[in-house]
Amino acid sequence: MIDRMTADQSDDALQCERITREHARTFSLASRLLPSAKRRAAYALYAFCRIADDLVDQADHDNVAALADQLNDYQLQLQAAIDGRPSGAVFREVAWVTRTYHVPPAPLFELLGGVARDLDAANYATWAQLETYCEGVASSVGEMCTHVFGVPGGPAMRERAVKYARTLGVAMQLTNILRDVGEDAKRGRCYLPADDLARFGFTPQDVLTNRLLARDPRWAPMMTYEVSRARALYDAARPGIAMLDVDSQRCAAACATGYAGILTAIEAQNYDTISTRARLGSLARVGILWDAWRFRAAPLDLATLADGPRIIWEPNVPVGSEKLVRLA
């Protein structure tokens, strides 16, 4: 399909690819495992999401109204693209993706609604509130990608796969939050739920103002608590990979493994993501790509999949005993 693109389409696709390669090392690496047409679609969706995210990351108390207007204009451009009137390289590619892979409009608009929440200072009292935010900015992306990756077996099977993909999106966004605690604090944002922080003797204001917070002996246990939540989400989402088209499973596995690997990097620096950002080294990324290349999903057992993972986090248990319960 890539070979049949016009010169203009090729330029549009290359622009989306450049945005992806510049900003998303793990996703860019994983996308190499996709067939060319699906890779082009993945780049387009990433570019669409990235531009919206970068827009709201400019927010401060002086320009929120102007950025809200820009985000509203971006939403209008999305609607025009869906209606067959795209303008600009990214929206021309998005229009192609939605048309070719039947990506519904809902998750694209959900993404924009999610990032719009970042125009205001982050304030999440509970995990349930933060999970809703994660769904908006990341589960929406998982749903888009599920349509591109493909799910054999018809609409009912795709609906199941979307639920697993949305859980993976929450896991990945929580990983981003744990990785970027210090960078977010510089923007006046603390995504960590206030009740989780209180459990370990902290407040959101501590996160926003204390650049030495990671030296506090209570910080590592608090981060261990959050990392265990993220890992449980990855575990719950993993069975969904086997539901995808075979030619997309390795990419999905690389994304999941790559982001889960960031949790290991966080642990390796003693959970200090306030003064520094946890990163995967080049060798680790190559290893992820190699493992994904060799990935073979276990045979699909529909009896164990039920209707998808329904996740309940049990916070009121001793530290280290947390678990996620998957209900049919």
C-alpha atoms as a PDB file:
ATOM      1  CA  MET A   1       0.000   0.000   0.000  1.00  0.00           C
ATOM      2  CA  ILE A   2       2.881   2.360   0.739  1.00  0.00           C
ATOM      3  CA  ASP A   3       4.212   1.828  -2.774  1.00  0.00           C
ATOM      4  CA  ARG A   4       0.928   3.053  -4.266  1.00  0.00           C
ATOM      5  CA  MET A   5       0.961   6.390  -2.462  1.00  0.00           C
ATOM      6  CA  THR A   6       1.068   9.562  -4.490  1.00  0.00           C
ATOM      7  CA  ALA A   7       3.994  11.921  -3.985  1.00  0.00           C
ATOM      8  CA  ASP A   8       1.846  14.204  -1.797  1.00  0.00           C
ATOM      9  CA  GLN A   9       0.667  11.267   0.310  1.00  0.00           C
ATOM     10  CA  SER A  10       4.246  10.125   0.704  1.00  0.00           C
ATOM     11  CA  ASP A  11       5.254  13.583   1.954  1.00  0.00           C
ATOM     12  CA  ASP A  12       2.388  13.550   4.464  1.00  0.00           C
ATOM     13  CA  ALA A  13       3.346  10.088   5.693  1.00  0.00           C
ATOM     14  CA  LEU A  14       6.981  11.101   6.047  1.00  0.00           C
ATOM     15  CA  GLN A  15       6.037  14.127   8.136  1.00  0.00           C
ATOM     16  CA  CYS A  16       4.104  11.915  10.547  1.00  0.00           C
ATOM     17  CA  GLU A  17       7.006   9.478  10.636  1.00  0.00           C
ATOM     18  CA  ARG A  18       9.451  12.278  11.497  1.00  0.00           C
ATOM     19  CA  ILE A  19       7.262  13.419  14.396  1.00  0.00           C
ATOM     20  CA  THR A  20       7.099   9.858  15.719  1.00  0.00           C
ATOM     21  CA  ARG A  21      10.817   9.193  15.425  1.00  0.00           C
ATOM     22  CA  GLU A  22      11.661  12.492  17.111  1.00  0.00           C
ATOM     23  CA  HIS A  23       9.428  12.057  20.140  1.00  0.00           C
ATOM     24  CA  ALA A  24       8.648   8.351  20.684  1.00  0.00           C
ATOM     25  CA  ARG A  25      11.665   6.075  20.763  1.00  0.00           C
ATOM     26  CA  THR A  26       9.857   3.015  22.099  1.00  0.00           C
ATOM     27  CA  PHE A  27       6.802   3.388  19.880  1.00  0.00           C
ATOM     28  CA  SER A  28       8.899   4.193  16.827  1.00  0.00           C
ATOM     29  CA  LEU A  29      10.997   1.104  17.445  1.00  0.00           C
ATOM     30  CA  ALA A  30       7.970  -1.115  17.982  1.00  0.00           C
ATOM     31  CA  SER A  31       6.283   0.210  14.833  1.00  0.00           C
ATOM     32  CA  ARG A  32       9.080  -1.213  12.720  1.00  0.00           C
ATOM     33  CA  LEU A  33       7.574  -4.625  13.417  1.00  0.00           C
ATOM     34  CA  LEU A  34       4.354  -3.696  11.591  1.00  0.00           C
ATOM     35  CA  PRO A  35       3.598  -4.160   7.892  1.00  0.00           C
ATOM     36  CA  SER A  36       4.228  -0.931   5.981  1.00  0.00           C
ATOM     37  CA  ALA A  37       0.596   0.200   5.702  1.00  0.00           C
ATOM     38  CA  LYS A  38      -0.132  -0.361   9.389  1.00  0.00           C
ATOM     39  CA  ARG A  39       3.131   1.352  10.277  1.00  0.00           C
ATOM     40  CA  ARG A  40       2.079   4.381   8.259  1.00  0.00           C
ATOM     41  CA  ALA A  41      -1.248   4.403  10.127  1.00  0.00           C
ATOM     42  CA  ALA A  42       0.486   4.106  13.504  1.00  0.00           C
ATOM     43  CA  TYR A  43       2.722   7.070  12.693  1.00  0.00           C
ATOM     44  CA  ALA A  44      -0.303   9.134  11.674  1.00  0.00           C
ATOM     45  CA  LEU A  45      -2.160   8.426  14.899  1.00  0.00           C
ATOM     46  CA  TYR A  46       0.912   9.150  16.994  1.00  0.00           C
ATOM     47  CA  ALA A  47       1.500  12.477  15.215  1.00  0.00           C
ATOM     48  CA  PHE A  48      -2.128  13.468  15.743  1.00  0.00           C
ATOM     49  CA  CYS A  49      -1.897  12.686  19.466  1.00  0.00           C
ATOM     50  CA  ARG A  50       1.518  14.265  19.890  1.00  0.00           C
ATOM     51  CA  ILE A  51       0.541  17.625  18.417  1.00  0.00           C
ATOM     52  CA  ALA A  52      -2.444  17.844  20.763  1.00  0.00           C
ATOM     53  CA  ASP A  53      -0.314  16.876  23.775  1.00  0.00           C
ATOM     54  CA  ASP A  54       2.421  19.374  22.904  1.00  0.00           C
ATOM     55  CA  LEU A  55      -0.174  22.114  22.596  1.00  0.00           C
ATOM     56  CA  VAL A  56      -1.485  21.712  26.144  1.00  0.00           C
ATOM     57  CA  ASP A  57       2.033  21.272  27.550  1.00  0.00           C
ATOM     58  CA  GLN A  58       2.538  24.977  26.842  1.00  0.00           C
ATOM     59  CA  ALA A  59      -0.130  25.862  29.397  1.00  0.00           C
ATOM     60  CA  ASP A  60       0.529  28.321  32.189  1.00  0.00           C
ATOM     61  CA  HIS A  61      -1.810  30.638  34.059  1.00  0.00           C
ATOM     62  CA  ASP A  62      -1.476  33.371  31.412  1.00  0.00           C
ATOM     63  CA  ASN A  63      -2.342  31.485  28.220  1.00  0.00           C
ATOM     64  CA  VAL A  64      -4.897  28.806  29.111  1.00  0.00           C
ATOM     65  CA  ALA A  65      -7.767  30.530  27.308  1.00  0.00           C
ATOM     66  CA  ALA A  66      -5.740  30.954  24.110  1.00  0.00           C
ATOM     67  CA  LEU A  67      -4.622  27.319  24.183  1.00  0.00           C
ATOM     68  CA  ALA A  68      -8.202  26.187  24.791  1.00  0.00           C
ATOM     69  CA  ASP A  69      -9.171  28.050  21.616  1.00  0.00           C
ATOM     70  CA  GLN A  70      -6.341  26.361  19.717  1.00  0.00           C
ATOM     71  CA  LEU A  71      -7.394  22.949  20.994  1.00  0.00           C
ATOM     72  CA  ASN A  72     -10.973  23.675  19.976  1.00  0.00           C
ATOM     73  CA  ASP A  73      -9.720  24.588  16.495  1.00  0.00           C
ATOM     74  CA  TYR A  74      -7.748  21.329  16.414  1.00  0.00           C
ATOM     75  CA  GLN A  75     -10.966  19.483  17.231  1.00  0.00           C
ATOM     76  CA  LEU A  76     -12.754  21.265  14.399  1.00  0.00           C
ATOM     77  CA  GLN A  77      -9.944  20.232  12.043  1.00  0.00           C
ATOM     78  CA  LEU A  78     -10.391  16.637  13.187  1.00  0.00           C
ATOM     79  CA  GLN A  79     -14.112  16.787  12.467  1.00  0.00           C
ATOM     80  CA  ALA A  80     -13.416  18.242   9.030  1.00  0.00           C
ATOM     81  CA  ALA A  81     -10.942  15.426   8.317  1.00  0.00           C
ATOM     82  CA  ILE A  82     -13.481  12.800   9.357  1.00  0.00           C
ATOM     83  CA  ASP A  83     -16.048  14.506   7.133  1.00  0.00           C
ATOM     84  CA  GLY A  84     -13.663  14.197   4.173  1.00  0.00           C
ATOM     85  CA  ARG A  85     -12.259  17.739   4.226  1.00  0.00           C
ATOM     86  CA  PRO A  86      -8.797  17.321   5.776  1.00  0.00           C
ATOM     87  CA  SER A  87      -6.303  20.164   5.891  1.00  0.00           C
ATOM     88  CA  GLY A  88      -2.596  19.699   6.523  1.00  0.00           C
ATOM     89  CA  ALA A  89      -0.378  16.649   6.397  1.00  0.00           C
ATOM     90  CA  VAL A  90      -1.355  15.100   9.719  1.00  0.00           C
ATOM     91  CA  PHE A  91      -5.091  15.428   9.203  1.00  0.00           C
ATOM     92  CA  ARG A  92      -4.846  14.112   5.652  1.00  0.00           C
ATOM     93  CA  GLU A  93      -3.125  11.056   7.099  1.00  0.00           C
ATOM     94  CA  VAL A  94      -5.702  10.774   9.893  1.00  0.00           C
ATOM     95  CA  ALA A  95      -8.483  10.896   7.312  1.00  0.00           C
ATOM     96  CA  TRP A  96      -6.758   8.075   5.428  1.00  0.00           C
ATOM     97  CA  VAL A  97      -6.399   6.013   8.617  1.00  0.00           C
ATOM     98  CA  THR A  98     -10.031   6.385   9.690  1.00  0.00           C
ATOM     99  CA  ARG A  99     -11.202   5.529   6.189  1.00  0.00           C
ATOM    100  CA  THR A 100      -8.854   2.585   5.616  1.00  0.00           C
ATOM    101  CA  TYR A 101      -9.037   0.948   9.030  1.00  0.00           C
ATOM    102  CA  HIS A 102     -12.535   2.061  10.070  1.00  0.00           C
ATOM    103  CA  VAL A 103     -11.269   3.789  13.186  1.00  0.00           C
ATOM    104  CA  PRO A 104     -14.348   5.287  14.848  1.00  0.00           C
ATOM    105  CA  PRO A 105     -14.324   9.001  15.697  1.00  0.00           C
ATOM    106  CA  ALA A 106     -15.080   8.468  19.397  1.00  0.00           C
ATOM    107  CA  PRO A 107     -11.564   7.589  20.640  1.00  0.00           C
ATOM    108  CA  LEU A 108      -9.988  10.443  18.652  1.00  0.00           C
ATOM    109  CA  PHE A 109     -12.312  12.963  20.270  1.00  0.00           C
ATOM    110  CA  GLU A 110     -11.849  11.213  23.609  1.00  0.00           C
ATOM    111  CA  LEU A 111      -8.110  11.838  23.303  1.00  0.00           C
ATOM    112  CA  LEU A 112      -8.672  15.552  22.768  1.00  0.00           C
ATOM    113  CA  GLY A 113     -11.021  15.702  25.737  1.00  0.00           C
ATOM    114  CA  GLY A 114      -8.402  13.945  27.836  1.00  0.00           C
ATOM    115  CA  VAL A 115      -5.532  16.255  26.954  1.00  0.00           C
ATOM    116  CA  ALA A 116      -7.782  19.281  27.514  1.00  0.00           C
ATOM    117  CA  ARG A 117      -7.750  18.389  31.206  1.00  0.00           C
ATOM    118  CA  ASP A 118      -4.065  19.317  31.244  1.00  0.00           C
ATOM    119  CA  LEU A 119      -4.945  22.935  30.558  1.00  0.00           C
ATOM    120  CA  ASP A 120      -5.712  23.151  34.262  1.00  0.00           C
ATOM    121  CA  ALA A 121      -3.415  22.125  37.093  1.00  0.00           C
ATOM    122  CA  ALA A 122      -3.554  18.376  37.641  1.00  0.00           C
ATOM    123  CA  ASN A 123      -5.527  17.507  40.756  1.00  0.00           C
ATOM    124  CA  TYR A 124      -6.508  13.897  41.369  1.00  0.00           C
ATOM    125  CA  ALA A 125      -7.815  12.907  44.775  1.00  0.00           C
ATOM    126  CA  THR A 126      -8.185   9.186  44.088  1.00  0.00           C
ATOM    127  CA  TRP A 127      -6.956   6.458  41.781  1.00  0.00           C
ATOM    128  CA  ALA A 128     -10.433   6.303  40.210  1.00  0.00           C
ATOM    129  CA  GLN A 129     -10.072   9.937  39.145  1.00  0.00           C
ATOM    130  CA  LEU A 130      -6.584   9.405  37.782  1.00  0.00           C
ATOM    131  CA  GLU A 131      -7.683   6.251  35.964  1.00  0.00           C
ATOM    132  CA  THR A 132     -10.377   8.257  34.184  1.00  0.00           C
ATOM    133  CA  TYR A 133      -7.708  10.710  33.040  1.00  0.00           C
ATOM    134  CA  CYS A 134      -5.471   7.838  31.861  1.00  0.00           C
ATOM    135  CA  GLU A 135      -8.353   6.399  29.883  1.00  0.00           C
ATOM    136  CA  GLY A 136      -8.897   9.707  28.125  1.00  0.00           C
ATOM    137  CA  VAL A 137      -5.296  10.291  27.080  1.00  0.00           C
ATOM    138  CA  ALA A 138      -4.079   6.697  26.607  1.00  0.00           C
ATOM    139  CA  SER A 139      -6.867   4.112  26.536  1.00  0.00           C
ATOM    140  CA  SER A 140      -8.254   6.112  23.639  1.00  0.00           C
ATOM    141  CA  VAL A 141      -4.965   5.530  21.780  1.00  0.00           C
ATOM    142  CA  GLY A 142      -5.109   1.823  22.534  1.00  0.00           C
ATOM    143  CA  GLU A 143      -8.587   1.680  21.032  1.00  0.00           C
ATOM    144  CA  MET A 144      -7.451   3.503  17.875  1.00  0.00           C
ATOM    145  CA  CYS A 145      -4.495   1.147  17.480  1.00  0.00           C
ATOM    146  CA  THR A 146      -6.682  -1.939  17.935  1.00  0.00           C
ATOM    147  CA  HIS A 147      -8.609  -0.997  14.801  1.00  0.00           C
ATOM    148  CA  VAL A 148      -5.367  -0.503  12.878  1.00  0.00           C
ATOM    149  CA  PHE A 149      -3.744  -3.680  14.195  1.00  0.00           C
ATOM    150  CA  GLY A 150      -6.816  -5.736  13.342  1.00  0.00           C
ATOM    151  CA  VAL A 151      -8.732  -8.376  15.288  1.00  0.00           C
ATOM    152  CA  PRO A 152      -9.856 -11.613  13.603  1.00  0.00           C
ATOM    153  CA  GLY A 153     -13.221 -12.993  14.573  1.00  0.00           C
ATOM    154  CA  GLY A 154     -15.674 -10.181  14.008  1.00  0.00           C
ATOM    155  CA  PRO A 155     -17.045  -7.215  15.980  1.00  0.00           C
ATOM    156  CA  ALA A 156     -17.630  -9.077  19.262  1.00  0.00           C
ATOM    157  CA  MET A 157     -14.008 -10.217  19.387  1.00  0.00           C
ATOM    158  CA  ARG A 158     -12.802  -6.713  18.515  1.00  0.00           C
ATOM    159  CA  GLU A 159     -14.884  -5.293  21.356  1.00  0.00           C
ATOM    160  CA  ARG A 160     -13.133  -7.664  23.752  1.00  0.00           C
ATOM    161  CA  ALA A 161      -9.717  -6.777  22.346  1.00  0.00           C
ATOM    162  CA  VAL A 162     -10.436  -3.061  22.750  1.00  0.00           C
ATOM    163  CA  LYS A 163     -11.045  -3.579  26.470  1.00  0.00           C
ATOM    164  CA  TYR A 164      -7.632  -5.205  26.870  1.00  0.00           C
ATOM    165  CA  ALA A 165      -6.011  -2.459  24.794  1.00  0.00           C
ATOM    166  CA  ARG A 166      -7.616   0.210  26.929  1.00  0.00           C
ATOM    167  CA  THR A 167      -6.252  -1.464  30.068  1.00  0.00           C
ATOM    168  CA  LEU A 168      -2.794  -1.479  28.488  1.00  0.00           C
ATOM    169  CA  GLY A 169      -3.230   2.228  27.795  1.00  0.00           C
ATOM    170  CA  VAL A 170      -3.860   2.901  31.485  1.00  0.00           C
ATOM    171  CA  ALA A 171      -0.737   0.905  32.406  1.00  0.00           C
ATOM    172  CA  MET A 172       1.380   2.864  29.938  1.00  0.00           C
ATOM    173  CA  GLN A 173       0.064   6.250  31.016  1.00  0.00           C
ATOM    174  CA  LEU A 174       0.622   5.414  34.674  1.00  0.00           C
ATOM    175  CA  THR A 175       4.181   4.473  33.706  1.00  0.00           C
ATOM    176  CA  ASN A 176       4.590   7.881  32.038  1.00  0.00           C
ATOM    177  CA  ILE A 177       3.349   9.578  35.195  1.00  0.00           C
ATOM    178  CA  LEU A 178       5.758   7.672  37.440  1.00  0.00           C
ATOM    179  CA  ARG A 179       8.645   8.396  35.060  1.00  0.00           C
ATOM    180  CA  ASP A 180       7.914  12.129  34.809  1.00  0.00           C
ATOM    181  CA  VAL A 181       7.134  13.157  38.392  1.00  0.00           C
ATOM    182  CA  GLY A 182       9.821  15.845  38.442  1.00  0.00           C
ATOM    183  CA  GLU A 183       9.152  17.193  34.941  1.00  0.00           C
ATOM    184  CA  ASP A 184       5.434  17.426  35.646  1.00  0.00           C
ATOM    185  CA  ALA A 185       6.084  19.191  38.952  1.00  0.00           C
ATOM    186  CA  LYS A 186       7.998  21.889  37.080  1.00  0.00           C
ATOM    187  CA  ARG A 187       4.795  22.505  35.094  1.00  0.00           C
ATOM    188  CA  GLY A 188       2.769  22.720  38.288  1.00  0.00           C
ATOM    189  CA  ARG A 189       1.275  19.263  37.881  1.00  0.00           C
ATOM    190  CA  CYS A 190       1.072  16.387  40.333  1.00  0.00           C
ATOM    191  CA  TYR A 191      -0.780  13.428  38.880  1.00  0.00           C
ATOM    192  CA  LEU A 192      -0.185  11.093  41.832  1.00  0.00           C
ATOM    193  CA  PRO A 193      -3.491  10.599  43.666  1.00  0.00           C
ATOM    194  CA  ALA A 194      -3.688  12.591  46.864  1.00  0.00           C
ATOM    195  CA  ASP A 195      -5.015   9.665  48.878  1.00  0.00           C
ATOM    196  CA  ASP A 196      -2.115   7.456  47.736  1.00  0.00           C
ATOM    197  CA  LEU A 197       0.338  10.152  48.758  1.00  0.00           C
ATOM    198  CA  ALA A 198      -1.394  10.611  52.114  1.00  0.00           C
ATOM    199  CA  ARG A 199      -1.072   6.920  52.814  1.00  0.00           C
ATOM    200  CA  PHE A 200       2.690   7.413  52.908  1.00  0.00           C
ATOM    201  CA  GLY A 201       2.646  10.789  54.651  1.00  0.00           C
ATOM    202  CA  PHE A 202       2.895  13.108  51.618  1.00  0.00           C
ATOM    203  CA  THR A 203       0.754  15.780  49.997  1.00  0.00           C
ATOM    204  CA  PRO A 204       0.625  16.909  46.357  1.00  0.00           C
ATOM    205  CA  GLN A 205       2.270  20.133  47.487  1.00  0.00           C
ATOM    206  CA  ASP A 206       5.283  18.133  48.662  1.00  0.00           C
ATOM    207  CA  VAL A 207       5.666  16.739  45.146  1.00  0.00           C
ATOM    208  CA  LEU A 208       5.317  20.167  43.572  1.00  0.00           C
ATOM    209  CA  THR A 209       7.794  21.982  45.800  1.00  0.00           C
ATOM    210  CA  ASN A 210      10.331  19.577  47.302  1.00  0.00           C
ATOM    211  CA  ARG A 211      13.031  18.722  44.760  1.00  0.00           C
ATOM    212  CA  LEU A 212      14.741  16.529  47.379  1.00  0.00           C
ATOM    213  CA  LEU A 213      11.631  14.480  48.103  1.00  0.00           C
ATOM    214  CA  ALA A 214      13.118  11.280  46.669  1.00  0.00           C
ATOM    215  CA  ARG A 215      15.615  11.258  49.570  1.00  0.00           C
ATOM    216  CA  ASP A 216      12.767  10.887  52.031  1.00  0.00           C
ATOM    217  CA  PRO A 217      12.716   7.249  53.243  1.00  0.00           C
ATOM    218  CA  ARG A 218       8.970   7.113  52.643  1.00  0.00           C
ATOM    219  CA  TRP A 219       9.304   7.908  48.928  1.00  0.00           C
ATOM    220  CA  ALA A 220      10.569   4.521  47.718  1.00  0.00           C
ATOM    221  CA  PRO A 221       7.733   2.587  49.419  1.00  0.00           C
ATOM    222  CA  MET A 222       5.194   4.970  47.896  1.00  0.00           C
ATOM    223  CA  MET A 223       6.666   4.503  44.420  1.00  0.00           C
ATOM    224  CA  THR A 224       6.876   0.739  44.962  1.00  0.00           C
ATOM    225  CA  TYR A 225       3.145   0.846  45.632  1.00  0.00           C
ATOM    226  CA  GLU A 226       2.460   2.667  42.360  1.00  0.00           C
ATOM    227  CA  VAL A 227       4.863   0.519  40.322  1.00  0.00           C
ATOM    228  CA  SER A 228       3.119  -2.610  41.587  1.00  0.00           C
ATOM    229  CA  ARG A 229      -0.196  -1.163  40.414  1.00  0.00           C
ATOM    230  CA  ALA A 230       1.235  -0.504  36.968  1.00  0.00           C
ATOM    231  CA  ARG A 231       2.702  -4.005  36.690  1.00  0.00           C
ATOM    232  CA  ALA A 232      -0.627  -5.548  37.645  1.00  0.00           C
ATOM    233  CA  LEU A 233      -2.291  -3.556  34.881  1.00  0.00           C
ATOM    234  CA  TYR A 234       0.268  -4.818  32.343  1.00  0.00           C
ATOM    235  CA  ASP A 235      -0.389  -8.372  33.507  1.00  0.00           C
ATOM    236  CA  ALA A 236      -4.141  -7.917  33.122  1.00  0.00           C
ATOM    237  CA  ALA A 237      -3.768  -6.436  29.635  1.00  0.00           C
ATOM    238  CA  ARG A 238      -1.289  -8.978  28.247  1.00  0.00           C
ATOM    239  CA  PRO A 239      -3.822 -11.648  27.114  1.00  0.00           C
ATOM    240  CA  GLY A 240      -5.295  -9.143  24.655  1.00  0.00           C
ATOM    241  CA  ILE A 241      -2.184  -9.278  22.463  1.00  0.00           C
ATOM    242  CA  ALA A 242      -3.123 -12.782  21.277  1.00  0.00           C
ATOM    243  CA  MET A 243      -6.429 -11.400  19.993  1.00  0.00           C
ATOM    244  CA  LEU A 244      -4.742  -9.177  17.406  1.00  0.00           C
ATOM    245  CA  ASP A 245      -3.818  -9.988  13.822  1.00  0.00           C
ATOM    246  CA  VAL A 246      -0.643 -12.057  13.798  1.00  0.00           C
ATOM    247  CA  ASP A 247       1.195  -9.360  11.815  1.00  0.00           C
ATOM    248  CA  SER A 248       0.554  -6.852  14.639  1.00  0.00           C
ATOM    249  CA  GLN A 249       1.180  -8.931  17.743  1.00  0.00           C
ATOM    250  CA  ARG A 250       4.919  -8.322  17.842  1.00  0.00           C
ATOM    251  CA  CYS A 251       4.457  -4.544  17.735  1.00  0.00           C
ATOM    252  CA  ALA A 252       1.922  -4.651  20.557  1.00  0.00           C
ATOM    253  CA  ALA A 253       4.228  -6.902  22.577  1.00  0.00           C
ATOM    254  CA  ALA A 254       7.154  -4.510  22.023  1.00  0.00           C
ATOM    255  CA  CYS A 255       5.075  -1.527  23.188  1.00  0.00           C
ATOM    256  CA  ALA A 256       3.941  -3.348  26.319  1.00  0.00           C
ATOM    257  CA  THR A 257       7.376  -4.739  27.130  1.00  0.00           C
ATOM    258  CA  GLY A 258       9.154  -1.477  26.356  1.00  0.00           C
ATOM    259  CA  TYR A 259       6.956   0.610  28.603  1.00  0.00           C
ATOM    260  CA  ALA A 260       6.969  -1.988  31.366  1.00  0.00           C
ATOM    261  CA  GLY A 261      10.766  -1.847  31.133  1.00  0.00           C
ATOM    262  CA  ILE A 262      10.621   1.803  32.205  1.00  0.00           C
ATOM    263  CA  LEU A 263       9.354   0.570  35.567  1.00  0.00           C
ATOM    264  CA  THR A 264      12.552  -1.436  35.945  1.00  0.00           C
ATOM    265  CA  ALA A 265      14.566   1.677  35.060  1.00  0.00           C
ATOM    266  CA  ILE A 266      12.677   3.595  37.766  1.00  0.00           C
ATOM    267  CA  GLU A 267      13.576   0.942  40.297  1.00  0.00           C
ATOM    268  CA  ALA A 268      17.211   0.969  39.183  1.00  0.00           C
ATOM    269  CA  GLN A 269      17.540   4.653  40.123  1.00  0.00           C
ATOM    270  CA  ASN A 270      15.959   4.042  43.524  1.00  0.00           C
ATOM    271  CA  TYR A 271      12.639   5.539  42.422  1.00  0.00           C
ATOM    272  CA  ASP A 272      14.059   9.045  42.029  1.00  0.00           C
ATOM    273  CA  THR A 273      12.063  10.424  39.130  1.00  0.00           C
ATOM    274  CA  ILE A 274      12.018  13.886  40.662  1.00  0.00           C
ATOM    275  CA  SER A 275      15.599  14.934  39.945  1.00  0.00           C
ATOM    276  CA  THR A 276      16.008  12.778  36.830  1.00  0.00           C
ATOM    277  CA  ARG A 277      13.937  10.979  34.205  1.00  0.00           C
ATOM    278  CA  ALA A 278      14.110   7.196  33.963  1.00  0.00           C
ATOM    279  CA  ARG A 279      15.131   6.033  30.501  1.00  0.00           C
ATOM    280  CA  LEU A 280      15.758   2.792  28.692  1.00  0.00           C
ATOM    281  CA  GLY A 281      19.268   2.527  27.300  1.00  0.00           C
ATOM    282  CA  SER A 282      19.967   1.718  23.662  1.00  0.00           C
ATOM    283  CA  LEU A 283      20.951  -1.841  24.505  1.00  0.00           C
ATOM    284  CA  ALA A 284      17.715  -2.380  26.408  1.00  0.00           C
ATOM    285  CA  ARG A 285      15.672  -1.087  23.469  1.00  0.00           C
ATOM    286  CA  VAL A 286      17.467  -3.425  21.084  1.00  0.00           C
ATOM    287  CA  GLY A 287      16.764  -6.288  23.459  1.00  0.00           C
ATOM    288  CA  ILE A 288      13.066  -5.376  23.517  1.00  0.00           C
ATOM    289  CA  LEU A 289      12.967  -5.356  19.730  1.00  0.00           C
ATOM    290  CA  TRP A 290      14.705  -8.731  19.565  1.00  0.00           C
ATOM    291  CA  ASP A 291      12.372 -10.275  22.136  1.00  0.00           C
ATOM    292  CA  ALA A 292       9.354  -8.875  20.291  1.00  0.00           C
ATOM    293  CA  TRP A 293      10.644 -10.233  16.979  1.00  0.00           C
ATOM    294  CA  ARG A 294      10.686 -13.698  18.540  1.00  0.00           C
ATOM    295  CA  PHE A 295       7.301 -13.194  20.234  1.00  0.00           C
ATOM    296  CA  ARG A 296       4.693 -15.869  19.722  1.00  0.00           C
ATOM    297  CA  ALA A 297       1.401 -15.458  21.515  1.00  0.00           C
ATOM    298  CA  ALA A 298       0.044 -18.370  23.481  1.00  0.00           C
ATOM    299  CA  PRO A 299      -3.002 -20.059  21.946  1.00  0.00           C
ATOM    300  CA  LEU A 300      -6.121 -17.995  22.495  1.00  0.00           C
ATOM    301  CA  ASP A 301      -8.293 -19.375  25.290  1.00  0.00           C
ATOM    302  CA  LEU A 302     -11.633 -17.625  24.954  1.00  0.00           C
ATOM    303  CA  ALA A 303     -12.925 -19.174  28.166  1.00  0.00           C
ATOM    304  CA  THR A 304     -10.382 -17.247  30.239  1.00  0.00           C
ATOM    305  CA  LEU A 305     -10.835 -13.957  28.396  1.00  0.00           C
ATOM    306  CA  ALA A 306     -14.473 -13.477  29.389  1.00  0.00           C
ATOM    307  CA  ASP A 307     -15.561 -10.021  28.215  1.00  0.00           C
ATOM    308  CA  GLY A 308     -12.220  -8.414  28.952  1.00  0.00           C
ATOM    309  CA  PRO A 309     -10.325  -7.284  32.037  1.00  0.00           C
ATOM    310  CA  ARG A 310     -12.390  -5.355  34.506  1.00  0.00           C
ATOM    311  CA  ILE A 311      -9.893  -3.873  36.895  1.00  0.00           C
ATOM    312  CA  ILE A 312     -10.457  -3.065  40.537  1.00  0.00           C
ATOM    313  CA  TRP A 313      -7.540  -1.774  42.600  1.00  0.00           C
ATOM    314  CA  GLU A 314      -7.667  -2.644  46.290  1.00  0.00           C
ATOM    315  CA  PRO A 315      -5.811   0.175  48.084  1.00  0.00           C
ATOM    316  CA  ASN A 316      -6.778  -0.572  51.663  1.00  0.00           C
ATOM    317  CA  VAL A 317      -4.498  -3.542  52.174  1.00  0.00           C
ATOM    318  CA  PRO A 318      -0.971  -3.775  53.591  1.00  0.00           C
ATOM    319  CA  VAL A 319       1.769  -2.399  51.357  1.00  0.00           C
ATOM    320  CA  GLY A 320       3.048  -5.210  49.154  1.00  0.00           C
ATOM    321  CA  SER A 321      -0.265  -7.091  49.248  1.00  0.00           C
ATOM    322  CA  GLU A 322      -2.072  -5.038  46.623  1.00  0.00           C
ATOM    323  CA  LYS A 323      -3.767  -6.860  43.807  1.00  0.00           C
ATOM    324  CA  LEU A 324      -5.958  -6.265  40.815  1.00  0.00           C
ATOM    325  CA  VAL A 325      -9.092  -8.359  40.577  1.00  0.00           C
ATOM    326  CA  ARG A 326     -10.325  -9.242  37.112  1.00  0.00           C
ATOM    327  CA  LEU A 327     -14.061  -9.819  37.059  1.00  0.00           C
ATOM    328  CA  ALA A 328     -15.946 -11.520  34.214  1.00  0.00           C
END
